[in-house]
Amino acid sequence: MRAVVALNAERTRLHRRLFAEGPLDPELTRMGVAAREEACARVARYLAASPEAAVADPALAARLVFDALMALAHGFALDPAAGGAPAAREAEIVRMLAAYLSRAPAGSR
């Protein structure tokens, strides 16, 4: 979490420029997809083994967490004035995602 927020908080002007440009090189796209899949697989394994995690489908939860984190980090990179300092952003993202991952599954309340 910290690395993604920090990466997107640095060099925001370059990040905005790259985000606005056309499609990425196909090889970079492939590498990004592979990295996402590996990250999601690792998080899914962690969630499946964690007694604190209260998710019905660890693979789906891992993908939702990954995509949410990336969307939030990119959003802050595209609008760096929003949301305060990177440490504050990180703390709120952690709080939001921890609440999602530790909640009781729907229908069990």
PDB file of N, CA and C in Angstrom:
ATOM      1  N   MET A   1       0.832  -1.184   0.000  1.00  0.00           N
ATOM      2  CA  MET A   1       0.000   0.000   0.000  1.00  0.00           C
ATOM      3  C   MET A   1       0.873   1.243   0.000  1.00  0.00           C
ATOM      4  N   ARG A   2       1.817   1.268   0.909  1.00  0.00           N
ATOM      5  CA  ARG A   2       2.688   2.443   1.038  1.00  0.00           C
ATOM      6  C   ARG A   2       3.452   2.689  -0.263  1.00  0.00           C
ATOM      7  N   ALA A   3       3.954   1.631  -0.888  1.00  0.00           N
ATOM      8  CA  ALA A   3       4.739   1.779  -2.110  1.00  0.00           C
ATOM      9  C   ALA A   3       3.886   2.327  -3.257  1.00  0.00           C
ATOM     10  N   VAL A   4       2.651   1.855  -3.386  1.00  0.00           N
ATOM     11  CA  VAL A   4       1.783   2.323  -4.474  1.00  0.00           C
ATOM     12  C   VAL A   4       1.431   3.789  -4.275  1.00  0.00           C
ATOM     13  N   VAL A   5       1.078   4.163  -3.051  1.00  0.00           N
ATOM     14  CA  VAL A   5       0.730   5.561  -2.773  1.00  0.00           C
ATOM     15  C   VAL A   5       1.948   6.450  -3.014  1.00  0.00           C
ATOM     16  N   ALA A   6       3.109   6.019  -2.519  1.00  0.00           N
ATOM     17  CA  ALA A   6       4.326   6.828  -2.688  1.00  0.00           C
ATOM     18  C   ALA A   6       4.703   6.944  -4.160  1.00  0.00           C
ATOM     19  N   LEU A   7       4.621   5.844  -4.884  1.00  0.00           N
ATOM     20  CA  LEU A   7       4.967   5.867  -6.304  1.00  0.00           C
ATOM     21  C   LEU A   7       4.090   6.852  -7.068  1.00  0.00           C
ATOM     22  N   ASN A   8       2.809   6.865  -6.755  1.00  0.00           N
ATOM     23  CA  ASN A   8       1.894   7.751  -7.463  1.00  0.00           C
ATOM     24  C   ASN A   8       1.943   9.180  -6.937  1.00  0.00           C
ATOM     25  N   ALA A   9       2.476   9.388  -5.751  1.00  0.00           N
ATOM     26  CA  ALA A   9       2.585  10.740  -5.191  1.00  0.00           C
ATOM     27  C   ALA A   9       3.812  11.475  -5.733  1.00  0.00           C
ATOM     28  N   GLU A  10       4.804  10.726  -6.167  1.00  0.00           N
ATOM     29  CA  GLU A  10       6.016  11.325  -6.702  1.00  0.00           C
ATOM     30  C   GLU A  10       5.837  11.587  -8.202  1.00  0.00           C
ATOM     31  N   ARG A  11       6.436  12.625  -8.665  1.00  0.00           N
ATOM     32  CA  ARG A  11       6.443  12.947 -10.094  1.00  0.00           C
ATOM     33  C   ARG A  11       5.030  12.926 -10.684  1.00  0.00           C
ATOM     34  N   THR A  12       4.136  13.622 -10.017  1.00  0.00           N
ATOM     35  CA  THR A  12       2.732  13.609 -10.443  1.00  0.00           C
ATOM     36  C   THR A  12       2.549  14.204 -11.837  1.00  0.00           C
ATOM     37  N   ARG A  13       3.352  15.171 -12.186  1.00  0.00           N
ATOM     38  CA  ARG A  13       3.229  15.761 -13.522  1.00  0.00           C
ATOM     39  C   ARG A  13       3.531  14.721 -14.602  1.00  0.00           C
ATOM     40  N   LEU A  14       4.588  13.946 -14.402  1.00  0.00           N
ATOM     41  CA  LEU A  14       4.922  12.880 -15.341  1.00  0.00           C
ATOM     42  C   LEU A  14       3.816  11.823 -15.348  1.00  0.00           C
ATOM     43  N   HIS A  15       3.309  11.484 -14.189  1.00  0.00           N
ATOM     44  CA  HIS A  15       2.238  10.489 -14.092  1.00  0.00           C
ATOM     45  C   HIS A  15       1.006  10.949 -14.878  1.00  0.00           C
ATOM     46  N   ARG A  16       0.619  12.200 -14.697  1.00  0.00           N
ATOM     47  CA  ARG A  16      -0.538  12.725 -15.428  1.00  0.00           C
ATOM     48  C   ARG A  16      -0.299  12.669 -16.936  1.00  0.00           C
ATOM     49  N   ARG A  17       0.911  12.983 -17.335  1.00  0.00           N
ATOM     50  CA  ARG A  17       1.245  12.975 -18.767  1.00  0.00           C
ATOM     51  C   ARG A  17       1.149  11.557 -19.340  1.00  0.00           C
ATOM     52  N   LEU A  18       1.718  10.597 -18.638  1.00  0.00           N
ATOM     53  CA  LEU A  18       1.678   9.207 -19.099  1.00  0.00           C
ATOM     54  C   LEU A  18       0.251   8.672 -19.119  1.00  0.00           C
ATOM     55  N   PHE A  19      -0.532   9.060 -18.120  1.00  0.00           N
ATOM     56  CA  PHE A  19      -1.919   8.599 -18.037  1.00  0.00           C
ATOM     57  C   PHE A  19      -2.743   9.160 -19.197  1.00  0.00           C
ATOM     58  N   ALA A  20      -2.428  10.375 -19.617  1.00  0.00           N
ATOM     59  CA  ALA A  20      -3.189  11.030 -20.680  1.00  0.00           C
ATOM     60  C   ALA A  20      -2.793  10.545 -22.073  1.00  0.00           C
ATOM     61  N   GLU A  21      -1.597  10.004 -22.202  1.00  0.00           N
ATOM     62  CA  GLU A  21      -1.126   9.556 -23.510  1.00  0.00           C
ATOM     63  C   GLU A  21      -1.910   8.338 -23.971  1.00  0.00           C
ATOM     64  N   GLY A  22      -1.755   8.021 -25.225  1.00  0.00           N
ATOM     65  CA  GLY A  22      -2.454   6.895 -25.836  1.00  0.00           C
ATOM     66  C   GLY A  22      -2.076   5.557 -25.232  1.00  0.00           C
ATOM     67  N   PRO A  23      -2.443   4.495 -25.914  1.00  0.00           N
ATOM     68  CA  PRO A  23      -2.207   3.153 -25.389  1.00  0.00           C
ATOM     69  C   PRO A  23      -0.719   2.881 -25.160  1.00  0.00           C
ATOM     70  N   LEU A  24      -0.464   2.094 -24.153  1.00  0.00           N
ATOM     71  CA  LEU A  24       0.910   1.735 -23.829  1.00  0.00           C
ATOM     72  C   LEU A  24       1.454   0.732 -24.836  1.00  0.00           C
ATOM     73  N   ASP A  25       2.741   0.606 -24.850  1.00  0.00           N
ATOM     74  CA  ASP A  25       3.399  -0.422 -25.625  1.00  0.00           C
ATOM     75  C   ASP A  25       2.818  -1.786 -25.226  1.00  0.00           C
ATOM     76  N   PRO A  26       2.521  -2.653 -26.177  1.00  0.00           N
ATOM     77  CA  PRO A  26       1.911  -3.945 -25.849  1.00  0.00           C
ATOM     78  C   PRO A  26       2.714  -4.769 -24.841  1.00  0.00           C
ATOM     79  N   GLU A  27       4.026  -4.689 -24.919  1.00  0.00           N
ATOM     80  CA  GLU A  27       4.855  -5.442 -23.968  1.00  0.00           C
ATOM     81  C   GLU A  27       4.711  -4.869 -22.560  1.00  0.00           C
ATOM     82  N   LEU A  28       4.654  -3.552 -22.434  1.00  0.00           N
ATOM     83  CA  LEU A  28       4.435  -2.950 -21.118  1.00  0.00           C
ATOM     84  C   LEU A  28       3.060  -3.321 -20.574  1.00  0.00           C
ATOM     85  N   THR A  29       2.074  -3.356 -21.448  1.00  0.00           N
ATOM     86  CA  THR A  29       0.735  -3.751 -21.028  1.00  0.00           C
ATOM     87  C   THR A  29       0.750  -5.185 -20.524  1.00  0.00           C
ATOM     88  N   ARG A  30       1.405  -6.075 -21.251  1.00  0.00           N
ATOM     89  CA  ARG A  30       1.502  -7.475 -20.846  1.00  0.00           C
ATOM     90  C   ARG A  30       2.198  -7.604 -19.497  1.00  0.00           C
ATOM     91  N   MET A  31       3.276  -6.852 -19.317  1.00  0.00           N
ATOM     92  CA  MET A  31       4.001  -6.895 -18.044  1.00  0.00           C
ATOM     93  C   MET A  31       3.135  -6.382 -16.899  1.00  0.00           C
ATOM     94  N   GLY A  32       2.360  -5.332 -17.157  1.00  0.00           N
ATOM     95  CA  GLY A  32       1.465  -4.804 -16.131  1.00  0.00           C
ATOM     96  C   GLY A  32       0.391  -5.797 -15.739  1.00  0.00           C
ATOM     97  N   VAL A  33      -0.185  -6.471 -16.726  1.00  0.00           N
ATOM     98  CA  VAL A  33      -1.203  -7.485 -16.452  1.00  0.00           C
ATOM     99  C   VAL A  33      -0.602  -8.628 -15.648  1.00  0.00           C
ATOM    100  N   ALA A  34       0.582  -9.071 -16.023  1.00  0.00           N
ATOM    101  CA  ALA A  34       1.237 -10.162 -15.295  1.00  0.00           C
ATOM    102  C   ALA A  34       1.547  -9.755 -13.855  1.00  0.00           C
ATOM    103  N   ALA A  35       2.013  -8.535 -13.661  1.00  0.00           N
ATOM    104  CA  ALA A  35       2.305  -8.049 -12.305  1.00  0.00           C
ATOM    105  C   ALA A  35       1.030  -7.970 -11.477  1.00  0.00           C
ATOM    106  N   ARG A  36      -0.063  -7.490 -12.084  1.00  0.00           N
ATOM    107  CA  ARG A  36      -1.340  -7.426 -11.376  1.00  0.00           C
ATOM    108  C   ARG A  36      -1.809  -8.814 -10.985  1.00  0.00           C
ATOM    109  N   GLU A  37      -1.723  -9.749 -11.892  1.00  0.00           N
ATOM    110  CA  GLU A  37      -2.171 -11.114 -11.606  1.00  0.00           C
ATOM    111  C   GLU A  37      -1.346 -11.735 -10.481  1.00  0.00           C
ATOM    112  N   GLU A  38      -0.047 -11.533 -10.491  1.00  0.00           N
ATOM    113  CA  GLU A  38       0.812 -12.077  -9.431  1.00  0.00           C
ATOM    114  C   GLU A  38       0.487 -11.416  -8.086  1.00  0.00           C
ATOM    115  N   ALA A  39       0.323 -10.103  -8.089  1.00  0.00           N
ATOM    116  CA  ALA A  39      -0.014  -9.404  -6.844  1.00  0.00           C
ATOM    117  C   ALA A  39      -1.350  -9.898  -6.299  1.00  0.00           C
ATOM    118  N   CYS A  40      -2.341 -10.033  -7.158  1.00  0.00           N
ATOM    119  CA  CYS A  40      -3.659 -10.497  -6.721  1.00  0.00           C
ATOM    120  C   CYS A  40      -3.599 -11.929  -6.201  1.00  0.00           C
ATOM    121  N   ALA A  41      -2.819 -12.782  -6.853  1.00  0.00           N
ATOM    122  CA  ALA A  41      -2.686 -14.162  -6.390  1.00  0.00           C
ATOM    123  C   ALA A  41      -2.054 -14.217  -5.005  1.00  0.00           C
ATOM    124  N   ARG A  42      -1.050 -13.392  -4.778  1.00  0.00           N
ATOM    125  CA  ARG A  42      -0.401 -13.360  -3.455  1.00  0.00           C
ATOM    126  C   ARG A  42      -1.366 -12.852  -2.385  1.00  0.00           C
ATOM    127  N   VAL A  43      -2.091 -11.795  -2.701  1.00  0.00           N
ATOM    128  CA  VAL A  43      -3.049 -11.254  -1.732  1.00  0.00           C
ATOM    129  C   VAL A  43      -4.161 -12.269  -1.469  1.00  0.00           C
ATOM    130  N   ALA A  44      -4.623 -12.956  -2.495  1.00  0.00           N
ATOM    131  CA  ALA A  44      -5.679 -13.970  -2.324  1.00  0.00           C
ATOM    132  C   ALA A  44      -5.198 -15.087  -1.408  1.00  0.00           C
ATOM    133  N   ARG A  45      -3.963 -15.533  -1.585  1.00  0.00           N
ATOM    134  CA  ARG A  45      -3.420 -16.580  -0.695  1.00  0.00           C
ATOM    135  C   ARG A  45      -3.351 -16.081   0.736  1.00  0.00           C
ATOM    136  N   TYR A  46      -2.929 -14.844   0.909  1.00  0.00           N
ATOM    137  CA  TYR A  46      -2.862 -14.265   2.255  1.00  0.00           C
ATOM    138  C   TYR A  46      -4.259 -14.198   2.875  1.00  0.00           C
ATOM    139  N   LEU A  47      -5.230 -13.711   2.119  1.00  0.00           N
ATOM    140  CA  LEU A  47      -6.588 -13.591   2.650  1.00  0.00           C
ATOM    141  C   LEU A  47      -7.172 -14.957   2.997  1.00  0.00           C
ATOM    142  N   ALA A  48      -6.910 -15.949   2.174  1.00  0.00           N
ATOM    143  CA  ALA A  48      -7.424 -17.293   2.430  1.00  0.00           C
ATOM    144  C   ALA A  48      -6.848 -17.874   3.717  1.00  0.00           C
ATOM    145  N   ALA A  49      -5.616 -17.515   4.045  1.00  0.00           N
ATOM    146  CA  ALA A  49      -4.954 -18.055   5.236  1.00  0.00           C
ATOM    147  C   ALA A  49      -5.137 -17.191   6.477  1.00  0.00           C
ATOM    148  N   SER A  50      -5.657 -15.996   6.325  1.00  0.00           N
ATOM    149  CA  SER A  50      -5.756 -15.053   7.439  1.00  0.00           C
ATOM    150  C   SER A  50      -7.064 -15.210   8.202  1.00  0.00           C
ATOM    151  N   PRO A  51      -6.976 -15.483   9.498  1.00  0.00           N
ATOM    152  CA  PRO A  51      -8.211 -15.597  10.283  1.00  0.00           C
ATOM    153  C   PRO A  51      -8.929 -14.258  10.467  1.00  0.00           C
ATOM    154  N   GLU A  52      -8.219 -13.139  10.264  1.00  0.00           N
ATOM    155  CA  GLU A  52      -8.842 -11.823  10.399  1.00  0.00           C
ATOM    156  C   GLU A  52      -9.653 -11.430   9.175  1.00  0.00           C
ATOM    157  N   ALA A  53      -9.357 -12.029   8.045  1.00  0.00           N
ATOM    158  CA  ALA A  53     -10.048 -11.672   6.809  1.00  0.00           C
ATOM    159  C   ALA A  53     -11.418 -12.336   6.785  1.00  0.00           C
ATOM    160  N   ALA A  54     -12.428 -11.550   6.476  1.00  0.00           N
ATOM    161  CA  ALA A  54     -13.804 -12.048   6.438  1.00  0.00           C
ATOM    162  C   ALA A  54     -14.358 -11.828   5.038  1.00  0.00           C
ATOM    163  N   VAL A  55     -13.802 -12.548   4.082  1.00  0.00           N
ATOM    164  CA  VAL A  55     -14.256 -12.425   2.703  1.00  0.00           C
ATOM    165  C   VAL A  55     -14.708 -13.794   2.216  1.00  0.00           C
ATOM    166  N   ALA A  56     -15.762 -13.808   1.435  1.00  0.00           N
ATOM    167  CA  ALA A  56     -16.296 -15.067   0.926  1.00  0.00           C
ATOM    168  C   ALA A  56     -15.426 -15.636  -0.193  1.00  0.00           C
ATOM    169  N   ASP A  57     -14.848 -14.766  -1.003  1.00  0.00           N
ATOM    170  CA  ASP A  57     -14.059 -15.194  -2.152  1.00  0.00           C
ATOM    171  C   ASP A  57     -12.732 -14.439  -2.138  1.00  0.00           C
ATOM    172  N   PRO A  58     -11.666 -15.062  -1.603  1.00  0.00           N
ATOM    173  CA  PRO A  58     -10.380 -14.360  -1.504  1.00  0.00           C
ATOM    174  C   PRO A  58      -9.840 -13.845  -2.830  1.00  0.00           C
ATOM    175  N   ALA A  59     -10.030 -14.586  -3.917  1.00  0.00           N
ATOM    176  CA  ALA A  59      -9.523 -14.130  -5.212  1.00  0.00           C
ATOM    177  C   ALA A  59     -10.253 -12.873  -5.675  1.00  0.00           C
ATOM    178  N   LEU A  60     -11.565 -12.866  -5.520  1.00  0.00           N
ATOM    179  CA  LEU A  60     -12.337 -11.678  -5.903  1.00  0.00           C
ATOM    180  C   LEU A  60     -11.994 -10.503  -5.000  1.00  0.00           C
ATOM    181  N   ALA A  61     -11.896 -10.741  -3.700  1.00  0.00           N
ATOM    182  CA  ALA A  61     -11.553  -9.666  -2.761  1.00  0.00           C
ATOM    183  C   ALA A  61     -10.176  -9.092  -3.082  1.00  0.00           C
ATOM    184  N   ALA A  62      -9.228  -9.947  -3.418  1.00  0.00           N
ATOM    185  CA  ALA A  62      -7.882  -9.480  -3.757  1.00  0.00           C
ATOM    186  C   ALA A  62      -7.924  -8.576  -4.980  1.00  0.00           C
ATOM    187  N   ARG A  63      -8.688  -8.960  -5.976  1.00  0.00           N
ATOM    188  CA  ARG A  63      -8.795  -8.145  -7.190  1.00  0.00           C
ATOM    189  C   ARG A  63      -9.480  -6.813  -6.900  1.00  0.00           C
ATOM    190  N   LEU A  64     -10.533  -6.834  -6.089  1.00  0.00           N
ATOM    191  CA  LEU A  64     -11.222  -5.592  -5.731  1.00  0.00           C
ATOM    192  C   LEU A  64     -10.289  -4.654  -4.966  1.00  0.00           C
ATOM    193  N   VAL A  65      -9.532  -5.212  -4.033  1.00  0.00           N
ATOM    194  CA  VAL A  65      -8.597  -4.398  -3.249  1.00  0.00           C
ATOM    195  C   VAL A  65      -7.513  -3.823  -4.157  1.00  0.00           C
ATOM    196  N   PHE A  66      -6.975  -4.641  -5.032  1.00  0.00           N
ATOM    197  CA  PHE A  66      -5.934  -4.172  -5.946  1.00  0.00           C
ATOM    198  C   PHE A  66      -6.458  -3.049  -6.831  1.00  0.00           C
ATOM    199  N   ASP A  67      -7.607  -3.282  -7.454  1.00  0.00           N
ATOM    200  CA  ASP A  67      -8.160  -2.274  -8.357  1.00  0.00           C
ATOM    201  C   ASP A  67      -8.540  -0.996  -7.619  1.00  0.00           C
ATOM    202  N   ALA A  68      -9.092  -1.130  -6.411  1.00  0.00           N
ATOM    203  CA  ALA A  68      -9.436   0.058  -5.623  1.00  0.00           C
ATOM    204  C   ALA A  68      -8.181   0.850  -5.270  1.00  0.00           C
ATOM    205  N   LEU A  69      -7.155   0.142  -4.820  1.00  0.00           N
ATOM    206  CA  LEU A  69      -5.901   0.811  -4.462  1.00  0.00           C
ATOM    207  C   LEU A  69      -5.314   1.546  -5.655  1.00  0.00           C
ATOM    208  N   MET A  70      -5.279   0.892  -6.797  1.00  0.00           N
ATOM    209  CA  MET A  70      -4.705   1.527  -7.986  1.00  0.00           C
ATOM    210  C   MET A  70      -5.544   2.730  -8.426  1.00  0.00           C
ATOM    211  N   ALA A  71      -6.853   2.592  -8.391  1.00  0.00           N
ATOM    212  CA  ALA A  71      -7.720   3.709  -8.789  1.00  0.00           C
ATOM    213  C   ALA A  71      -7.526   4.899  -7.854  1.00  0.00           C
ATOM    214  N   LEU A  72      -7.466   4.640  -6.562  1.00  0.00           N
ATOM    215  CA  LEU A  72      -7.274   5.727  -5.600  1.00  0.00           C
ATOM    216  C   LEU A  72      -5.911   6.386  -5.781  1.00  0.00           C
ATOM    217  N   ALA A  73      -4.879   5.582  -5.911  1.00  0.00           N
ATOM    218  CA  ALA A  73      -3.528   6.140  -6.081  1.00  0.00           C
ATOM    219  C   ALA A  73      -3.429   6.942  -7.375  1.00  0.00           C
ATOM    220  N   HIS A  74      -4.000   6.431  -8.460  1.00  0.00           N
ATOM    221  CA  HIS A  74      -3.978   7.174  -9.723  1.00  0.00           C
ATOM    222  C   HIS A  74      -4.796   8.456  -9.607  1.00  0.00           C
ATOM    223  N   GLY A  75      -5.911   8.390  -8.936  1.00  0.00           N
ATOM    224  CA  GLY A  75      -6.736   9.583  -8.752  1.00  0.00           C
ATOM    225  C   GLY A  75      -5.990  10.682  -8.029  1.00  0.00           C
ATOM    226  N   PHE A  76      -5.262  10.313  -6.990  1.00  0.00           N
ATOM    227  CA  PHE A  76      -4.478  11.307  -6.262  1.00  0.00           C
ATOM    228  C   PHE A  76      -3.318  11.818  -7.115  1.00  0.00           C
ATOM    229  N   ALA A  77      -2.741  10.957  -7.942  1.00  0.00           N
ATOM    230  CA  ALA A  77      -1.645  11.403  -8.813  1.00  0.00           C
ATOM    231  C   ALA A  77      -2.156  12.389  -9.852  1.00  0.00           C
ATOM    232  N   LEU A  78      -3.359  12.157 -10.344  1.00  0.00           N
ATOM    233  CA  LEU A  78      -3.931  13.055 -11.347  1.00  0.00           C
ATOM    234  C   LEU A  78      -4.401  14.364 -10.735  1.00  0.00           C
ATOM    235  N   ASP A  79      -4.704  14.359  -9.435  1.00  0.00           N
ATOM    236  CA  ASP A  79      -5.128  15.568  -8.730  1.00  0.00           C
ATOM    237  C   ASP A  79      -4.391  15.627  -7.395  1.00  0.00           C
ATOM    238  N   PRO A  80      -3.085  15.946  -7.410  1.00  0.00           N
ATOM    239  CA  PRO A  80      -2.269  15.868  -6.202  1.00  0.00           C
ATOM    240  C   PRO A  80      -2.685  16.815  -5.086  1.00  0.00           C
ATOM    241  N   ALA A  81      -3.439  17.843  -5.388  1.00  0.00           N
ATOM    242  CA  ALA A  81      -3.870  18.768  -4.335  1.00  0.00           C
ATOM    243  C   ALA A  81      -4.989  18.174  -3.483  1.00  0.00           C
ATOM    244  N   ALA A  82      -5.666  17.190  -3.995  1.00  0.00           N
ATOM    245  CA  ALA A  82      -6.773  16.568  -3.261  1.00  0.00           C
ATOM    246  C   ALA A  82      -6.238  15.569  -2.246  1.00  0.00           C
ATOM    247  N   GLY A  83      -6.834  15.553  -1.094  1.00  0.00           N
ATOM    248  CA  GLY A  83      -6.544  14.489  -0.147  1.00  0.00           C
ATOM    249  C   GLY A  83      -5.365  14.669   0.776  1.00  0.00           C
ATOM    250  N   GLY A  84      -4.713  15.807   0.738  1.00  0.00           N
ATOM    251  CA  GLY A  84      -3.634  16.035   1.690  1.00  0.00           C
ATOM    252  C   GLY A  84      -2.358  15.287   1.364  1.00  0.00           C
ATOM    253  N   ALA A  85      -1.541  15.120   2.379  1.00  0.00           N
ATOM    254  CA  ALA A  85      -0.222  14.506   2.232  1.00  0.00           C
ATOM    255  C   ALA A  85      -0.337  13.012   1.923  1.00  0.00           C
ATOM    256  N   PRO A  86       0.669  12.445   1.251  1.00  0.00           N
ATOM    257  CA  PRO A  86       0.634  11.019   0.949  1.00  0.00           C
ATOM    258  C   PRO A  86       0.416  10.138   2.180  1.00  0.00           C
ATOM    259  N   ALA A  87       0.986  10.497   3.326  1.00  0.00           N
ATOM    260  CA  ALA A  87       0.791   9.690   4.536  1.00  0.00           C
ATOM    261  C   ALA A  87      -0.675   9.679   4.968  1.00  0.00           C
ATOM    262  N   ALA A  88      -1.353  10.805   4.830  1.00  0.00           N
ATOM    263  CA  ALA A  88      -2.776  10.872   5.170  1.00  0.00           C
ATOM    264  C   ALA A  88      -3.602  10.059   4.195  1.00  0.00           C
ATOM    265  N   ARG A  89      -3.249  10.141   2.927  1.00  0.00           N
ATOM    266  CA  ARG A  89      -3.951   9.344   1.910  1.00  0.00           C
ATOM    267  C   ARG A  89      -3.794   7.860   2.212  1.00  0.00           C
ATOM    268  N   GLU A  90      -2.565   7.476   2.488  1.00  0.00           N
ATOM    269  CA  GLU A  90      -2.273   6.074   2.779  1.00  0.00           C
ATOM    270  C   GLU A  90      -3.082   5.591   3.979  1.00  0.00           C
ATOM    271  N   ALA A  91      -3.110   6.382   5.035  1.00  0.00           N
ATOM    272  CA  ALA A  91      -3.838   5.983   6.232  1.00  0.00           C
ATOM    273  C   ALA A  91      -5.321   5.775   5.943  1.00  0.00           C
ATOM    274  N   GLU A  92      -5.911   6.647   5.155  1.00  0.00           N
ATOM    275  CA  GLU A  92      -7.337   6.520   4.839  1.00  0.00           C
ATOM    276  C   GLU A  92      -7.617   5.344   3.910  1.00  0.00           C
ATOM    277  N   ILE A  93      -6.721   5.113   2.966  1.00  0.00           N
ATOM    278  CA  ILE A  93      -6.892   3.957   2.079  1.00  0.00           C
ATOM    279  C   ILE A  93      -6.797   2.670   2.890  1.00  0.00           C
ATOM    280  N   VAL A  94      -5.829   2.594   3.784  1.00  0.00           N
ATOM    281  CA  VAL A  94      -5.692   1.410   4.645  1.00  0.00           C
ATOM    282  C   VAL A  94      -6.949   1.218   5.476  1.00  0.00           C
ATOM    283  N   ARG A  95      -7.457   2.291   6.057  1.00  0.00           N
ATOM    284  CA  ARG A  95      -8.664   2.202   6.886  1.00  0.00           C
ATOM    285  C   ARG A  95      -9.854   1.694   6.072  1.00  0.00           C
ATOM    286  N   MET A  96     -10.010   2.223   4.867  1.00  0.00           N
ATOM    287  CA  MET A  96     -11.122   1.815   4.018  1.00  0.00           C
ATOM    288  C   MET A  96     -11.012   0.340   3.630  1.00  0.00           C
ATOM    289  N   LEU A  97      -9.845  -0.066   3.164  1.00  0.00           N
ATOM    290  CA  LEU A  97      -9.680  -1.445   2.703  1.00  0.00           C
ATOM    291  C   LEU A  97      -9.714  -2.436   3.865  1.00  0.00           C
ATOM    292  N   ALA A  98      -9.185  -2.052   5.020  1.00  0.00           N
ATOM    293  CA  ALA A  98      -9.247  -2.935   6.186  1.00  0.00           C
ATOM    294  C   ALA A  98     -10.690  -3.151   6.624  1.00  0.00           C
ATOM    295  N   ALA A  99     -11.506  -2.106   6.551  1.00  0.00           N
ATOM    296  CA  ALA A  99     -12.925  -2.249   6.905  1.00  0.00           C
ATOM    297  C   ALA A  99     -13.611  -3.219   5.952  1.00  0.00           C
ATOM    298  N   TYR A 100     -13.298  -3.141   4.684  1.00  0.00           N
ATOM    299  CA  TYR A 100     -13.883  -4.062   3.708  1.00  0.00           C
ATOM    300  C   TYR A 100     -13.446  -5.501   3.978  1.00  0.00           C
ATOM    301  N   LEU A 101     -12.159  -5.696   4.211  1.00  0.00           N
ATOM    302  CA  LEU A 101     -11.626  -7.057   4.361  1.00  0.00           C
ATOM    303  C   LEU A 101     -11.993  -7.719   5.685  1.00  0.00           C
ATOM    304  N   SER A 102     -12.325  -6.927   6.694  1.00  0.00           N
ATOM    305  CA  SER A 102     -12.609  -7.511   8.008  1.00  0.00           C
ATOM    306  C   SER A 102     -14.088  -7.519   8.346  1.00  0.00           C
ATOM    307  N   ARG A 103     -14.933  -7.103   7.439  1.00  0.00           N
ATOM    308  CA  ARG A 103     -16.367  -7.071   7.701  1.00  0.00           C
ATOM    309  C   ARG A 103     -16.940  -8.485   7.631  1.00  0.00           C
ATOM    310  N   ALA A 104     -18.066  -8.673   8.273  1.00  0.00           N
ATOM    311  CA  ALA A 104     -18.741  -9.952   8.185  1.00  0.00           C
ATOM    312  C   ALA A 104     -19.358 -10.075   6.792  1.00  0.00           C
ATOM    313  N   PRO A 105     -19.289 -11.262   6.190  1.00  0.00           N
ATOM    314  CA  PRO A 105     -19.900 -11.428   4.861  1.00  0.00           C
ATOM    315  C   PRO A 105     -21.387 -11.065   4.875  1.00  0.00           C
ATOM    316  N   ALA A 106     -21.872 -10.561   3.762  1.00  0.00           N
ATOM    317  CA  ALA A 106     -23.281 -10.182   3.640  1.00  0.00           C
ATOM    318  C   ALA A 106     -24.169 -11.373   3.985  1.00  0.00           C
ATOM    319  N   GLY A 107     -25.238 -11.094   4.714  1.00  0.00           N
ATOM    320  CA  GLY A 107     -26.183 -12.133   5.082  1.00  0.00           C
ATOM    321  C   GLY A 107     -25.845 -12.824   6.391  1.00  0.00           C
ATOM    322  N   SER A 108     -24.700 -12.508   6.987  1.00  0.00           N
ATOM    323  CA  SER A 108     -24.331 -13.188   8.232  1.00  0.00           C
ATOM    324  C   SER A 108     -24.551 -12.308   9.446  1.00  0.00           C
ATOM    325  N   ARG A 109     -25.118 -11.143   9.255  1.00  0.00           N
ATOM    326  CA  ARG A 109     -25.312 -10.213  10.392  1.00  0.00           C
ATOM    327  C   ARG A 109     -26.606 -10.453  11.073  1.00  0.00           C
TER     328      ARG A 109
END
